[in-house]
């Protein structure tokens, strides 16, 4: 059993501009099978189709993502900022934009496939697969950015700990130089070597 919503909008918090935090063409909320006899409607998994997500940092350096990682959901909480009944979130065919205040930056991720699963001890297991781009120029061979790891729970956003593996696949080194610098110069040798190897750990 599932509930489908179309034209879904999640508005931005005050101080992060007028654009919504998330807009999705379609959202599917899948219920656990137990809903058929318990009549308790809690989503087990939420999938966003073609979402556009704006990750923004305000003038006071706060991120709009903080509210989702730190604030407990309604209902039973495990004390870590993630409710015990938090669903698995996923997104397909998405786009992630980056903003500083109300200003949208030139960097973005497209063709995003994202999955976030809550951990029993608190925090989230994150998987992301996307194509990096610059909106001010056309780059056709940036390859795929793959990110996988965990975000540990914390009371303050500045205390969040990330354990991530980052990989770059099938990208042209020249295109990555252009992605990072906007041109063919200005990139350090160590960075170029890391991009050539096609992977790094954070």
Protein backbone atom coordinates (compact mmCIF):
# COMPACT_ATOMS: atom_id res chain seq x y z
CA UNK A 1 0.00 0.00 0.00
CA UNK A 2 1.20 3.50 -0.85
CA UNK A 3 0.11 7.12 -1.09
CA UNK A 4 1.13 9.19 -4.13
CA UNK A 5 1.34 13.00 -4.19
CA UNK A 6 2.17 15.13 -7.24
CA UNK A 7 3.60 18.63 -7.36
CA UNK A 8 4.99 18.31 -3.82
CA UNK A 9 6.57 21.45 -2.30
CA UNK A 10 8.54 21.75 0.94
CA UNK A 11 9.01 25.45 1.61
CA UNK A 12 12.26 26.97 2.82
CA UNK A 13 12.80 28.15 6.37
CA UNK A 14 12.99 31.86 7.05
CA UNK A 15 16.36 33.31 6.15
CA UNK A 16 17.12 30.92 3.27
CA UNK A 17 15.46 32.76 0.39
CA UNK A 18 12.10 32.50 -1.36
CA UNK A 19 12.75 29.29 -3.29
CA UNK A 20 11.43 26.09 -1.71
CA UNK A 21 13.82 23.69 -0.03
CA UNK A 22 12.43 20.88 -2.19
CA UNK A 23 10.07 20.52 -5.11
CA UNK A 24 9.25 17.08 -6.55
CA UNK A 25 7.14 16.06 -9.52
CA UNK A 26 5.94 13.06 -7.56
CA UNK A 27 6.31 11.62 -4.06
CA UNK A 28 5.46 8.03 -3.15
CA UNK A 29 4.94 7.16 0.51
CA UNK A 30 5.04 3.37 0.93
CA UNK A 31 3.33 1.99 4.02
CA UNK A 32 4.44 -1.19 5.82
CA UNK A 33 2.17 -4.18 5.31
CA UNK A 34 1.12 -3.95 8.97
CA UNK A 35 -0.90 -0.83 8.17
CA UNK A 36 -3.61 -3.12 6.76
CA UNK A 37 -4.51 -4.44 10.23
CA UNK A 38 -3.09 -1.77 12.55
CA UNK A 39 -4.55 1.25 10.72
CA UNK A 40 -1.58 3.32 11.76
CA UNK A 41 -0.36 5.31 8.79
CA UNK A 42 3.41 5.70 9.01
CA UNK A 43 5.59 5.75 5.91
CA UNK A 44 8.21 3.03 5.78
CA UNK A 45 9.84 4.53 2.69
CA UNK A 46 9.46 7.86 0.89
CA UNK A 47 10.65 8.22 -2.70
CA UNK A 48 10.91 11.58 -4.49
CA UNK A 49 10.75 11.51 -8.30
CA UNK A 50 12.57 14.32 -10.13
CA UNK A 51 13.12 16.46 -7.03
CA UNK A 52 14.89 19.81 -7.12
CA UNK A 53 16.65 20.41 -3.79
CA UNK A 54 18.19 23.71 -2.69
CA UNK A 55 20.95 23.34 -0.08
CA UNK A 56 21.50 26.81 1.34
CA UNK A 57 23.76 28.48 3.88
CA UNK A 58 22.47 31.65 5.51
CA UNK A 59 24.50 34.75 6.30
CA UNK A 60 25.01 33.48 9.85
CA UNK A 61 26.62 30.31 8.40
CA UNK A 62 23.64 28.09 9.37
CA UNK A 63 22.57 25.42 6.84
CA UNK A 64 18.95 24.69 5.99
CA UNK A 65 19.81 20.99 6.19
CA UNK A 66 20.37 21.29 9.94
CA UNK A 67 16.66 21.12 10.76
CA UNK A 68 16.36 17.71 9.10
CA UNK A 69 19.45 16.20 10.70
CA UNK A 70 19.04 17.53 14.24
CA UNK A 71 15.36 18.08 15.03
CA UNK A 72 13.43 14.98 16.12
CA UNK A 73 10.32 14.04 14.16
CA UNK A 74 6.94 13.93 15.79
CA UNK A 75 6.46 10.75 17.75
CA UNK A 76 8.91 8.54 19.57
CA UNK A 77 12.50 9.73 19.40
CA UNK A 78 15.71 7.94 20.22
CA UNK A 79 17.20 11.14 21.67
CA UNK A 80 19.62 11.64 18.79
CA UNK A 81 17.61 13.96 16.58
CA UNK A 82 16.21 11.10 14.46
CA UNK A 83 12.86 9.62 15.33
CA UNK A 84 12.75 5.88 15.90
CA UNK A 85 10.10 5.55 13.19
CA UNK A 86 11.89 7.70 10.59
CA UNK A 87 11.38 6.26 7.09
CA UNK A 88 13.96 5.52 4.44
CA UNK A 89 14.22 8.42 2.01
CA UNK A 90 15.23 8.06 -1.63
CA UNK A 91 15.31 10.26 -4.73
CA UNK A 92 15.68 9.53 -8.44
CA UNK A 93 16.32 11.80 -11.42
CA UNK A 94 16.98 14.67 -9.03
CA UNK A 95 18.95 17.88 -8.97
CA UNK A 96 20.75 19.50 -6.03
CA UNK A 97 21.48 23.24 -6.16
CA UNK A 98 23.78 25.07 -3.75
CA UNK A 99 22.96 28.54 -2.44
CA UNK A 100 24.61 31.16 -0.28
CA UNK A 101 21.73 33.01 1.31
CA UNK A 102 19.32 33.86 -1.50
CA UNK A 103 22.04 33.60 -4.19
CA UNK A 104 22.32 30.38 -6.19
CA UNK A 105 25.89 29.22 -6.79
CA UNK A 106 27.26 28.06 -10.13
CA UNK A 107 27.80 24.49 -8.88
CA UNK A 108 25.07 21.84 -8.91
CA UNK A 109 24.51 18.09 -9.08
CA UNK A 110 22.18 16.59 -11.67
CA UNK A 111 20.78 13.14 -12.44
CA UNK A 112 20.90 12.56 -8.69
CA UNK A 113 20.15 9.19 -7.12
CA UNK A 114 20.02 9.53 -3.34
CA UNK A 115 19.19 7.21 -0.44
CA UNK A 116 19.13 8.01 3.28
CA UNK A 117 18.38 5.31 5.86
CA UNK A 118 18.16 6.03 9.61
CA UNK A 119 20.54 4.06 11.81
CA UNK A 120 19.38 2.31 14.97
CA UNK A 121 22.01 4.13 17.05
CA UNK A 122 21.12 7.51 15.54
CA UNK A 123 22.33 9.29 12.45
CA UNK A 124 21.94 8.33 8.81
CA UNK A 125 23.41 6.00 6.23
CA UNK A 126 23.85 8.03 3.02
CA UNK A 127 24.35 6.99 -0.60
CA UNK A 128 24.56 9.48 -3.45
CA UNK A 129 25.29 9.10 -7.16
CA UNK A 130 25.24 12.24 -9.33
CA UNK A 131 26.80 14.19 -12.19
CA UNK A 132 28.54 17.45 -11.18
CA UNK A 133 28.07 20.55 -13.34
CA UNK A 134 28.62 24.28 -13.56
CA UNK A 135 25.70 26.43 -14.64
CA UNK A 136 27.98 29.06 -16.25
CA UNK A 137 29.51 26.73 -18.83
CA UNK A 138 28.85 23.45 -20.58
CA UNK A 139 30.91 20.48 -19.42
CA UNK A 140 30.08 17.13 -21.00
CA UNK A 141 32.59 14.72 -19.43
CA UNK A 142 32.62 15.31 -15.68
CA UNK A 143 31.70 11.67 -15.05
CA UNK A 144 29.88 10.52 -11.92
CA UNK A 145 30.34 11.52 -8.30
CA UNK A 146 29.69 8.64 -5.88
CA UNK A 147 29.41 9.22 -2.15
CA UNK A 148 28.67 6.66 0.55
CA UNK A 149 28.97 6.73 4.33
CA UNK A 150 27.39 7.78 7.59
CA UNK A 151 26.36 10.99 9.31
CA UNK A 152 26.53 10.57 13.07
CA UNK A 153 23.97 12.19 15.34
CA UNK A 154 24.69 15.42 17.22
CA UNK A 155 22.88 18.20 19.06
CA UNK A 156 24.50 20.98 17.01
CA UNK A 157 25.13 21.08 13.27
CA UNK A 158 28.75 22.09 13.84
CA UNK A 159 29.24 18.88 15.86
CA UNK A 160 28.00 16.52 13.15
CA UNK A 161 30.58 13.95 12.11
CA UNK A 162 30.72 12.61 8.57
CA UNK A 163 32.43 9.37 7.57
CA UNK A 164 32.32 9.25 3.80
CA UNK A 165 33.96 7.53 0.86
CA UNK A 166 34.01 9.70 -2.26
CA UNK A 167 34.70 8.41 -5.75
CA UNK A 168 34.93 10.06 -9.17
CA UNK A 169 34.28 7.78 -12.13
CA UNK A 170 34.56 8.10 -15.91
CA UNK A 171 35.43 11.78 -15.86
CA UNK A 172 37.84 13.70 -18.07
CA UNK A 173 40.68 15.33 -16.12
CA UNK A 174 40.50 18.43 -18.30
CA UNK A 175 36.77 18.72 -17.65
CA UNK A 176 37.32 18.38 -13.90
CA UNK A 177 39.92 21.15 -14.02
CA UNK A 178 37.34 23.32 -15.77
CA UNK A 179 34.68 22.29 -13.23
CA UNK A 180 36.79 23.27 -10.24
CA UNK A 181 38.53 26.37 -11.61
CA UNK A 182 36.31 27.56 -14.46
CA UNK A 183 39.22 27.21 -16.87
CA UNK A 184 42.27 25.14 -17.69
CA UNK A 185 44.57 26.67 -15.05
CA UNK A 186 44.70 27.20 -11.33
CA UNK A 187 44.53 23.60 -10.13
CA UNK A 188 47.27 22.14 -8.00
CA UNK A 189 49.28 19.07 -8.99
CA UNK A 190 48.08 17.06 -5.98
CA UNK A 191 44.45 17.75 -6.87
CA UNK A 192 45.04 16.80 -10.50
CA UNK A 193 46.67 13.54 -9.47
CA UNK A 194 43.77 12.70 -7.14
CA UNK A 195 41.27 13.35 -9.94
CA UNK A 196 43.31 11.23 -12.34
CA UNK A 197 43.21 8.31 -9.93
CA UNK A 198 39.43 8.66 -9.95
CA UNK A 199 38.83 8.38 -6.23
CA UNK A 200 39.51 9.79 -2.78
CA UNK A 201 38.53 9.27 0.84
CA UNK A 202 37.13 11.92 3.16
